[in-house]
Amino acid sequence: MPRLVPFKLVAACALALTFLLSFAAAAPAKGPIASLRVAGKKAKVLGETSFGVAGQVSVKASPKANCFGPGTGGSGQKVMLKGATALGMLARGAQFNASLRPLLLTDHFIDEFGLGICGVGGVKATSKSSWFFKVNHKVPPVGGEKAKVKAGDEVLWAYGAYPYPAELALVAPAEAQANVPFTVQVFAYDEKGKRTPVSGATVTGASGPTDSAGHATVTLAAPMELIATAKGDIPSPPKVVCLGSGCSAASGVQF
């Protein structure tokens, strides 16, 4: 039975924005700005962007959201969610990103547990795998509709079997020199937000996998978007590395 969940990409280089345009073009702009990232089967990223999360968003409880057993589907009625919550962000994201639809929620348990999530973007919960979420790399102690989101927060919704897959993060410089090697580092966050270096991860443009400290060496001949991947883990958000004087000083490195 699936678990019941009552629920930066800086523009340093213009080329790095193209993959986000379809997700971000219609993004709401009101309220605190937070980021949303959604990863489905095999950690495939269905969408990621940042947007304002103020106000409310309407969702419909779907009769097809019956992953918790026969008779547990939604009523078909509309439910209002606060936008500044983890589930509110997912619902708002689904309004302007077709890859997140259909969003299958059930209100069958609403009086006891709140809304249950059965599917996102055609990826449905099963007896072995379910949808879970994290805020700032941690799994909150409350459901998605009660997990509040404030300015600068990072919200991740992902699909997987328990224990849930690790969430990768890539530390890389915003700027580099063409054909001059530089070092990046890959970390993994567990459910509690504990960060540990990852060995054996693959990084775009790296000469080899990461070492025991999570380090890898990258050499670029052109500006590039770097992503860290490791089997079974959720890929890191992309990091843009620009070359030369055309880079923006606004894209910093976070440790």
Protein backbone atom coordinates (compact mmCIF):
# COMPACT_ATOMS: atom_id res chain seq x y z
CA MET A 1 0.00 0.00 0.00
CA PRO A 2 1.48 3.38 -0.94
CA ARG A 3 2.34 5.83 1.81
CA LEU A 4 -0.44 8.31 2.53
CA VAL A 5 0.88 11.84 2.04
CA PRO A 6 -1.84 14.36 3.18
CA PHE A 7 0.26 16.80 1.14
CA LYS A 8 18.31 28.16 -8.93
CA LEU A 9 18.77 28.19 -12.08
CA VAL A 10 20.31 31.72 -12.36
CA ALA A 11 20.37 33.23 -15.84
CA ALA A 12 24.14 33.25 -16.08
CA CYS A 13 24.11 32.02 -19.66
CA ALA A 14 21.20 32.43 -22.04
CA LEU A 15 21.64 28.97 -23.52
CA ALA A 16 21.08 27.35 -20.15
CA LEU A 17 17.56 28.72 -19.87
CA THR A 18 16.04 26.96 -22.86
CA PHE A 19 15.11 23.78 -21.03
CA LEU A 20 13.14 25.77 -18.46
CA LEU A 21 11.13 28.04 -20.75
CA SER A 22 8.14 25.75 -21.18
CA PHE A 23 7.84 25.38 -17.39
CA ALA A 24 8.53 28.95 -16.37
CA ALA A 25 6.81 31.00 -19.08
CA ALA A 26 3.46 31.10 -17.32
CA ALA A 27 4.77 30.89 -13.76
CA PRO A 28 2.84 32.94 -11.19
CA ALA A 29 4.84 35.91 -9.92
CA LYS A 30 3.03 36.89 -6.72
CA GLY A 31 4.21 36.30 -3.19
CA PRO A 32 7.41 34.77 -1.81
CA ILE A 33 9.62 33.22 -4.47
CA ALA A 34 10.44 29.56 -3.87
CA SER A 35 11.67 26.78 -6.12
CA LEU A 36 9.83 23.64 -7.19
CA ARG A 37 11.44 20.50 -8.56
CA VAL A 38 9.58 17.33 -9.53
CA ALA A 39 11.22 13.98 -10.30
CA GLY A 40 9.27 10.94 -11.50
CA LYS A 41 10.18 7.36 -12.37
CA LYS A 42 13.90 6.58 -12.52
CA ALA A 43 14.46 10.11 -11.14
CA LYS A 44 13.45 11.70 -14.45
CA VAL A 45 12.96 15.42 -13.86
CA LEU A 46 9.46 16.46 -14.93
CA GLY A 47 9.96 20.14 -14.25
CA GLU A 48 11.80 22.73 -12.18
CA THR A 49 11.47 26.46 -11.75
CA SER A 50 10.95 29.22 -9.20
CA PHE A 51 7.78 31.25 -8.75
CA GLY A 52 5.62 33.19 -6.33
CA VAL A 53 3.48 31.05 -4.05
CA ALA A 54 1.00 33.50 -2.54
CA GLY A 55 -2.76 33.04 -2.62
CA GLN A 56 -4.83 29.92 -3.05
CA VAL A 57 -5.02 27.26 -5.72
CA SER A 58 -7.98 25.07 -6.57
CA VAL A 59 -7.53 21.33 -7.15
CA LYS A 60 -10.07 18.65 -7.94
CA ALA A 61 -10.11 15.43 -5.93
CA SER A 62 -10.00 12.73 -8.61
CA PRO A 63 -12.00 9.48 -8.52
CA LYS A 64 -8.97 7.95 -10.29
CA ALA A 65 -6.84 8.61 -7.21
CA ASN A 66 -7.59 5.16 -5.81
CA CYS A 67 -4.05 3.96 -5.05
CA PHE A 68 -4.93 3.34 -1.41
CA GLY A 69 -7.43 0.61 -2.30
CA PRO A 70 -10.91 0.15 -3.75
CA GLY A 71 -13.32 2.90 -2.78
CA THR A 72 -10.62 5.36 -1.75
CA GLY A 73 -10.76 7.56 -4.86
CA GLY A 74 -11.48 11.26 -4.69
CA SER A 75 -14.98 12.75 -4.61
CA GLY A 76 -14.56 14.80 -7.79
CA GLN A 77 -15.12 17.96 -5.77
CA LYS A 78 -12.82 20.99 -5.77
CA VAL A 79 -10.54 21.63 -2.81
CA MET A 80 -8.84 24.95 -2.09
CA LEU A 81 -5.20 24.87 -1.06
CA LYS A 82 -2.96 27.61 0.23
CA GLY A 83 -0.35 28.41 -2.37
CA ALA A 84 2.50 28.81 0.12
CA THR A 85 2.68 25.11 1.01
CA ALA A 86 4.51 22.19 -0.55
CA LEU A 87 1.31 20.75 -2.03
CA GLY A 88 0.10 24.18 -3.06
CA MET A 89 3.31 24.66 -5.04
CA LEU A 90 2.87 21.30 -6.76
CA ALA A 91 -0.74 22.12 -7.64
CA ARG A 92 0.18 25.57 -8.91
CA GLY A 93 3.05 24.11 -10.91
CA ALA A 94 0.67 21.63 -12.53
CA GLN A 95 -1.48 24.52 -13.74
CA PHE A 96 1.23 25.77 -16.09
CA ASN A 97 3.34 22.65 -16.67
CA ALA A 98 1.57 19.89 -18.60
CA SER A 99 4.28 17.40 -17.55
CA LEU A 100 2.85 17.47 -14.02
CA ARG A 101 -0.67 16.63 -15.14
CA PRO A 102 -2.80 14.81 -14.28
CA LEU A 103 -2.43 15.53 -10.59
CA LEU A 104 -4.33 12.74 -8.84
CA LEU A 105 -5.41 13.63 -5.32
CA THR A 106 -7.95 11.94 -3.10
CA ASP A 107 -10.02 13.58 -0.37
CA HIS A 108 -11.25 10.21 0.93
CA PHE A 109 -9.13 10.58 4.10
CA ILE A 110 -9.37 14.35 4.38
CA ASP A 111 -10.97 14.37 7.83
CA GLU A 112 -8.34 12.06 9.34
CA PHE A 113 -5.15 12.71 7.36
CA GLY A 114 -5.85 15.34 4.74
CA LEU A 115 -5.36 14.88 1.00
CA GLY A 116 -3.61 11.80 -0.36
CA ILE A 117 -1.49 11.92 -3.51
CA CYS A 118 -1.70 9.04 -5.98
CA GLY A 119 -0.21 10.42 -9.17
CA VAL A 120 1.75 13.21 -10.85
CA GLY A 121 2.21 13.49 -14.60
CA GLY A 122 0.96 9.98 -15.25
CA VAL A 123 3.24 8.40 -12.64
CA LYS A 124 1.02 6.61 -10.16
CA ALA A 125 1.73 5.34 -6.68
CA THR A 126 1.83 1.56 -6.23
CA SER A 127 2.22 -0.85 -3.35
CA LYS A 128 6.00 -0.50 -3.73
CA SER A 129 6.58 3.13 -4.72
CA SER A 130 4.92 6.40 -3.79
CA TRP A 131 5.26 10.16 -4.07
CA PHE A 132 7.09 11.98 -1.30
CA PHE A 133 8.29 15.53 -0.78
CA LYS A 134 11.10 17.47 0.89
CA VAL A 135 11.48 21.10 1.86
CA ASN A 136 15.05 22.36 1.96
CA HIS A 137 16.28 18.76 1.62
CA LYS A 138 14.32 17.45 4.62
CA VAL A 139 11.15 15.34 4.77
CA PRO A 140 8.81 17.45 6.97
CA PRO A 141 6.87 15.90 9.86
CA VAL A 142 3.58 17.15 8.37
CA GLY A 143 1.70 16.56 5.12
CA GLY A 144 2.23 18.58 1.96
CA GLU A 145 -0.80 20.79 2.44
CA LYS A 146 0.46 21.84 5.89
CA ALA A 147 4.16 22.15 5.08
CA LYS A 148 4.61 25.91 4.79
CA VAL A 149 6.90 27.40 2.17
CA LYS A 150 8.62 30.76 2.51
CA ALA A 151 10.85 32.89 0.31
CA GLY A 152 13.98 31.07 -0.81
CA ASP A 153 12.78 27.58 0.10
CA GLU A 154 13.46 24.61 -2.15
CA VAL A 155 10.60 22.13 -2.60
CA LEU A 156 11.19 18.70 -4.09
CA TRP A 157 8.48 16.21 -5.03
CA ALA A 158 9.81 12.83 -6.07
CA TYR A 159 8.71 9.27 -6.74
CA GLY A 160 10.38 6.22 -5.30
CA ALA A 161 10.35 3.25 -2.96
CA TYR A 162 11.11 3.57 0.73
CA PRO A 163 13.82 4.19 1.88
CA TYR A 164 13.55 7.07 -0.54
CA PRO A 165 16.34 7.84 -3.02
CA ALA A 166 18.98 10.40 -2.07
CA GLU A 167 18.83 13.92 -3.46
CA LEU A 168 22.05 14.99 -5.15
CA ALA A 169 23.51 18.49 -5.02
CA LEU A 170 26.38 19.85 -7.09
CA VAL A 171 28.77 22.56 -5.92
CA ALA A 172 30.47 24.25 -8.86
CA PRO A 173 31.89 27.69 -9.64
CA ALA A 174 29.71 30.10 -11.57
CA GLU A 175 32.66 31.11 -13.74
CA ALA A 176 35.69 29.37 -15.19
CA GLN A 177 38.33 29.81 -17.86
CA ALA A 178 38.14 27.93 -21.14
CA ASN A 179 40.22 24.74 -21.18
CA VAL A 180 41.40 25.28 -17.60
CA PRO A 181 40.46 22.44 -15.20
CA PHE A 182 38.39 23.23 -12.10
CA THR A 183 37.00 21.18 -9.24
CA VAL A 184 33.38 20.42 -8.43
CA GLN A 185 31.89 18.46 -5.56
CA VAL A 186 28.81 16.25 -5.29
CA PHE A 187 26.78 15.70 -2.13
CA ALA A 188 23.72 13.63 -1.28
CA TYR A 189 20.97 14.63 1.14
CA ASP A 190 19.09 11.98 3.07
CA GLU A 191 15.55 12.29 4.46
CA LYS A 192 16.75 14.25 7.48
CA GLY A 193 18.71 16.70 5.37
CA LYS A 194 22.09 15.24 6.32
CA ARG A 195 24.63 15.96 3.58
CA THR A 196 27.41 13.52 2.69
CA PRO A 197 29.93 13.44 -0.19
CA VAL A 198 29.14 11.04 -3.03
CA SER A 199 31.79 8.87 -4.64
CA GLY A 200 31.33 7.41 -8.10
CA ALA A 201 28.91 10.11 -9.29
CA THR A 202 29.01 11.32 -12.89
CA VAL A 203 29.26 15.05 -13.59
CA THR A 204 28.78 16.68 -16.98
CA GLY A 205 32.17 17.43 -18.54
CA ALA A 206 34.17 15.69 -15.80
CA SER A 207 37.25 13.62 -16.61
CA GLY A 208 35.99 10.80 -14.41
CA PRO A 209 33.61 9.90 -11.56
CA THR A 210 33.80 11.64 -8.21
CA ASP A 211 36.32 10.45 -5.62
CA SER A 212 35.65 9.48 -2.02
CA ALA A 213 35.29 13.15 -1.06
CA GLY A 214 32.82 13.78 -3.88
CA HIS A 215 35.32 15.73 -5.98
CA ALA A 216 35.68 15.61 -9.76
CA THR A 217 37.68 17.64 -12.27
CA VAL A 218 35.89 19.41 -15.11
CA THR A 219 37.34 21.14 -18.16
CA LEU A 220 35.10 23.16 -20.48
CA ALA A 221 35.67 24.64 -23.90
CA ALA A 222 32.29 26.39 -23.91
CA PRO A 223 29.70 27.53 -21.33
CA MET A 224 27.81 24.55 -20.03
CA GLU A 225 25.09 23.37 -17.70
CA LEU A 226 26.45 20.81 -15.25
CA ILE A 227 24.42 18.03 -13.65
CA ALA A 228 25.49 15.31 -11.24
CA THR A 229 23.95 11.86 -11.54
CA ALA A 230 24.33 8.56 -9.69
CA LYS A 231 22.38 5.37 -10.15
CA GLY A 232 19.24 5.31 -8.04
CA ASP A 233 19.58 8.91 -6.85
CA ILE A 234 17.73 12.07 -7.85
CA PRO A 235 19.97 14.12 -10.19
CA SER A 236 21.27 17.45 -8.94
CA PRO A 237 19.68 20.69 -10.09
CA PRO A 238 21.69 22.10 -13.02
CA LYS A 239 24.54 24.50 -12.33
CA VAL A 240 25.51 26.92 -15.07
CA VAL A 241 29.23 27.52 -15.56
CA CYS A 242 30.10 30.40 -17.85
CA LEU A 243 33.46 31.16 -19.39
CA GLY A 244 35.27 34.48 -19.59
CA SER A 245 34.04 38.04 -19.26
CA GLY A 246 30.50 37.31 -20.42
CA CYS A 247 29.56 35.64 -17.17
CA SER A 248 27.14 37.13 -14.68
CA ALA A 249 28.46 37.81 -11.20
CA ALA A 250 24.97 37.18 -9.85
CA SER A 251 25.26 33.40 -9.91
CA GLY A 252 27.09 32.44 -6.76
CA VAL A 253 28.25 29.16 -5.34
CA GLN A 254 26.48 27.80 -2.29
CA PHE A 255 28.28 25.57 0.19
